[in-house]
Amino acid sequence: MSAEEPQDDAPEEEENLRYFVRIGQTDLDGTKTVERSLSDMKGIGKRTARIVADAAGVDRTATFGLLDEDDIESVVDVVENFTDHAPEWMINRRDDFYTGETTHETGSDFEQKRRHDINRMKMINSYKGVRHKRGQKVRGQRTKSTGRTEGTIGVNVEAIKEEQAAEAEGGDE
C-alpha cells in the first residue's frame, strides 16, 4: 500500500469527529485523546484525567471526539460527580470554609472559588493575604535573589558607549 492511496476508514472517522466536547461551561478539544483533553480543563490534571477515564470505562488514549454519545455522557457524569469516584485526598476543595462540604471544583467555578479565598485572606490580613496584597511570593520561596520586578535594569552598554564617545570628542577639542 503506497502513501498516496487514500485509506478507507479515514473519511468516515473525520465525518463522525466532534471537534468540541462541552463539559459544564468548558469546551474541550475533540481531536485530542481523552486524557489530554480532560487535563486542559481547570481543576483536572493528568492524574485526575486518568482516574476519570478509568471510572467512566473509556480508553484514555482514544480520541475524545470519536467516542459514542454514551461514553461522552459517562465521562461528563464522572467529572460532575468526581467526589464519588476519587479518594478524599485527591479532591481539590475539602472542608469548605463556609459550608464544610467536600467538593471538586472544575472550570470557571474553580477560578471563582480561588479568587474568593484569596480575597478572604486579604480581608482578614492573614500572612498569606498580606503577601498577596504586596505582590510578594506567598509559599515561602526565596525572595533575596529572585522575583524582582521593580525597575531593575542591567548594564546599558549603548549608553556607556555614547558617553565614552562624547568624552572622547570633547577631549580632542
Protein backbone atom coordinates (compact mmCIF):
# COMPACT_ATOMS: atom_id res chain seq x y z
CA MET A 1 0.00 0.00 0.00
CA SER A 2 1.54 3.30 -1.03
CA ALA A 3 1.33 6.53 0.89
CA GLU A 4 -0.66 8.15 -1.92
CA GLU A 5 -3.60 5.75 -1.74
CA PRO A 6 -6.41 7.01 0.48
CA GLN A 7 -7.37 4.88 3.42
CA ASP A 8 -10.95 3.65 3.59
CA ASP A 9 -11.62 4.43 7.26
CA ALA A 10 -10.13 7.95 7.36
CA PRO A 11 -13.04 9.88 5.75
CA GLU A 12 -15.61 8.07 7.88
CA GLU A 13 -13.75 8.94 11.09
CA GLU A 14 -13.50 12.59 10.10
CA GLU A 15 -17.26 12.78 9.50
CA ASN A 16 -18.06 11.42 12.97
CA LEU A 17 -15.45 13.54 14.76
CA ARG A 18 -16.80 16.12 17.19
CA TYR A 19 -14.26 18.93 17.29
CA PHE A 20 -15.59 20.36 20.57
CA VAL A 21 -16.95 18.44 23.54
CA ARG A 22 -18.70 20.54 26.16
CA ILE A 23 -18.39 19.65 29.83
CA GLY A 24 -20.00 22.12 32.19
CA GLN A 25 -19.03 25.56 30.91
CA THR A 26 -15.84 24.43 29.18
CA ASP A 27 -15.26 23.41 25.57
CA LEU A 28 -12.72 20.60 25.28
CA ASP A 29 -10.75 19.74 22.14
CA GLY A 30 -12.24 16.65 20.50
CA THR A 31 -9.18 15.97 18.35
CA LYS A 32 -7.00 15.12 21.37
CA THR A 33 -7.03 11.96 23.47
CA VAL A 34 -9.45 11.70 26.36
CA GLU A 35 -6.74 12.10 28.98
CA ARG A 36 -5.06 15.08 27.33
CA SER A 37 -8.32 16.85 26.54
CA LEU A 38 -9.59 16.49 30.12
CA SER A 39 -6.32 17.77 31.54
CA ASP A 40 -6.86 21.05 29.64
CA MET A 41 -9.82 21.75 31.91
CA LYS A 42 -9.23 23.85 35.04
CA GLY A 43 -9.26 21.68 38.16
CA ILE A 44 -8.37 18.46 36.33
CA GLY A 45 -4.75 17.42 35.94
CA LYS A 46 -3.12 14.42 34.31
CA ARG A 47 -3.72 12.07 37.21
CA THR A 48 -7.31 13.18 37.70
CA ALA A 49 -7.98 12.78 33.97
CA ARG A 50 -6.66 9.21 34.12
CA ILE A 51 -8.96 8.38 37.05
CA VAL A 52 -11.94 9.95 35.25
CA ALA A 53 -11.29 7.87 32.13
CA ASP A 54 -10.94 4.66 34.16
CA ALA A 55 -14.07 5.35 36.21
CA ALA A 56 -16.07 6.10 33.06
CA GLY A 57 -14.88 2.88 31.42
CA VAL A 58 -13.33 4.72 28.47
CA ASP A 59 -9.96 4.11 26.85
CA ARG A 60 -7.86 7.11 27.88
CA THR A 61 -5.85 7.01 24.63
CA ALA A 62 -8.94 7.15 22.40
CA THR A 63 -9.74 10.35 20.52
CA PHE A 64 -12.30 12.25 22.58
CA GLY A 65 -14.38 13.47 19.62
CA LEU A 66 -14.78 9.95 18.18
CA LEU A 67 -16.40 8.47 21.30
CA ASP A 68 -20.06 7.49 21.32
CA GLU A 69 -22.61 9.75 22.99
CA ASP A 70 -22.99 7.24 25.84
CA ASP A 71 -19.25 7.26 26.53
CA ILE A 72 -19.10 11.05 26.49
CA GLU A 73 -22.08 11.22 28.85
CA SER A 74 -20.37 8.78 31.23
CA VAL A 75 -17.22 10.96 31.22
CA VAL A 76 -19.33 14.07 31.90
CA ASP A 77 -21.10 12.26 34.74
CA VAL A 78 -17.81 11.21 36.34
CA VAL A 79 -16.39 14.74 36.07
CA GLU A 80 -19.50 16.26 37.67
CA ASN A 81 -19.56 13.64 40.46
CA PHE A 82 -15.81 13.23 40.91
CA THR A 83 -16.04 13.13 44.71
CA ASP A 84 -17.80 9.75 44.45
CA HIS A 85 -15.07 8.23 42.26
CA ALA A 86 -11.84 9.50 43.84
CA PRO A 87 -10.19 9.27 47.25
CA GLU A 88 -10.74 12.21 49.57
CA TRP A 89 -7.11 13.35 49.47
CA MET A 90 -7.43 13.94 45.73
CA ILE A 91 -10.41 16.32 45.94
CA ASN A 92 -9.40 19.96 45.39
CA ARG A 93 -11.87 21.62 47.81
CA ARG A 94 -12.02 19.74 51.11
CA ASP A 95 -13.98 21.12 54.05
CA ASP A 96 -15.13 24.40 52.53
CA PHE A 97 -14.80 27.37 54.91
CA TYR A 98 -18.46 28.38 54.73
CA THR A 99 -20.33 25.12 54.10
CA GLY A 100 -17.91 22.49 55.41
CA GLU A 101 -18.59 20.31 52.35
CA THR A 102 -16.00 18.48 50.30
CA THR A 103 -16.39 19.16 46.57
CA HIS A 104 -14.24 19.02 43.47
CA GLU A 105 -14.43 22.28 41.53
CA THR A 106 -13.76 22.46 37.79
CA GLY A 107 -13.82 25.13 35.12
CA SER A 108 -14.83 28.67 35.98
CA ASP A 109 -16.12 27.58 39.42
CA PHE A 110 -12.55 26.61 40.32
CA GLU A 111 -11.21 30.07 39.43
CA GLN A 112 -14.07 31.83 41.20
CA LYS A 113 -13.56 29.91 44.46
CA ARG A 114 -9.82 30.50 44.29
CA ARG A 115 -10.26 34.27 43.86
CA HIS A 116 -12.80 34.29 46.71
CA ASP A 117 -10.35 32.50 49.03
CA ILE A 118 -7.54 34.94 48.20
CA ASN A 119 -9.83 37.93 48.81
CA ARG A 120 -10.86 36.46 52.18
CA MET A 121 -7.20 36.07 53.17
CA LYS A 122 -6.55 39.69 52.16
CA MET A 123 -9.53 40.96 54.16
CA ILE A 124 -8.55 39.22 57.39
CA ASN A 125 -4.90 40.23 56.94
CA SER A 126 -3.51 36.75 57.31
CA TYR A 127 0.16 36.28 56.48
CA LYS A 128 -0.66 34.84 53.06
CA GLY A 129 -3.18 37.63 52.47
CA VAL A 130 -0.61 40.33 53.24
CA ARG A 131 1.86 38.68 50.85
CA HIS A 132 -0.85 38.60 48.15
CA LYS A 133 -1.59 42.31 48.75
CA ARG A 134 2.06 43.25 48.38
CA GLY A 135 2.54 41.08 45.32
CA GLN A 136 5.26 39.05 47.02
CA LYS A 137 5.80 35.32 47.00
CA VAL A 138 3.32 33.51 49.22
CA ARG A 139 4.59 29.98 49.70
CA GLY A 140 7.94 30.59 51.36
CA GLN A 141 10.11 30.89 48.26
CA ARG A 142 13.39 32.76 48.25
CA THR A 143 12.99 36.47 47.57
CA LYS A 144 16.50 37.81 48.03
CA SER A 145 17.65 36.99 44.52
CA THR A 146 14.50 36.10 42.54
CA GLY A 147 11.13 37.65 41.83
CA ARG A 148 12.50 41.15 41.34
CA THR A 149 10.09 43.07 39.14
CA GLU A 150 10.55 46.73 40.10
CA GLY A 151 12.77 48.73 37.76
CA THR A 152 15.95 46.68 37.91
CA ILE A 153 17.89 47.46 34.77
CA GLY A 154 21.12 45.75 33.90
CA VAL A 155 24.14 47.42 32.39
CA ASN A 156 23.13 49.61 29.46
CA VAL A 157 26.08 49.12 27.12
CA GLU A 158 24.83 51.53 24.46
CA ALA A 159 24.53 54.43 26.89
CA ILE A 160 28.05 53.80 28.20
CA LYS A 161 29.47 53.74 24.66
CA GLU A 162 27.69 57.01 23.82
CA GLU A 163 29.10 58.66 26.96
CA GLN A 164 32.62 57.44 26.13
CA ALA A 165 32.28 58.70 22.57
CA ALA A 166 31.07 62.12 23.83
CA GLU A 167 34.01 62.32 26.24
CA ALA A 168 36.46 61.37 23.50
CA GLU A 169 35.09 64.09 21.20
CA GLY A 170 35.16 66.65 24.00
CA GLY A 171 38.72 65.70 24.92
CA ASP A 172 40.00 66.12 21.35
CA GLU A 173 38.86 69.73 21.08
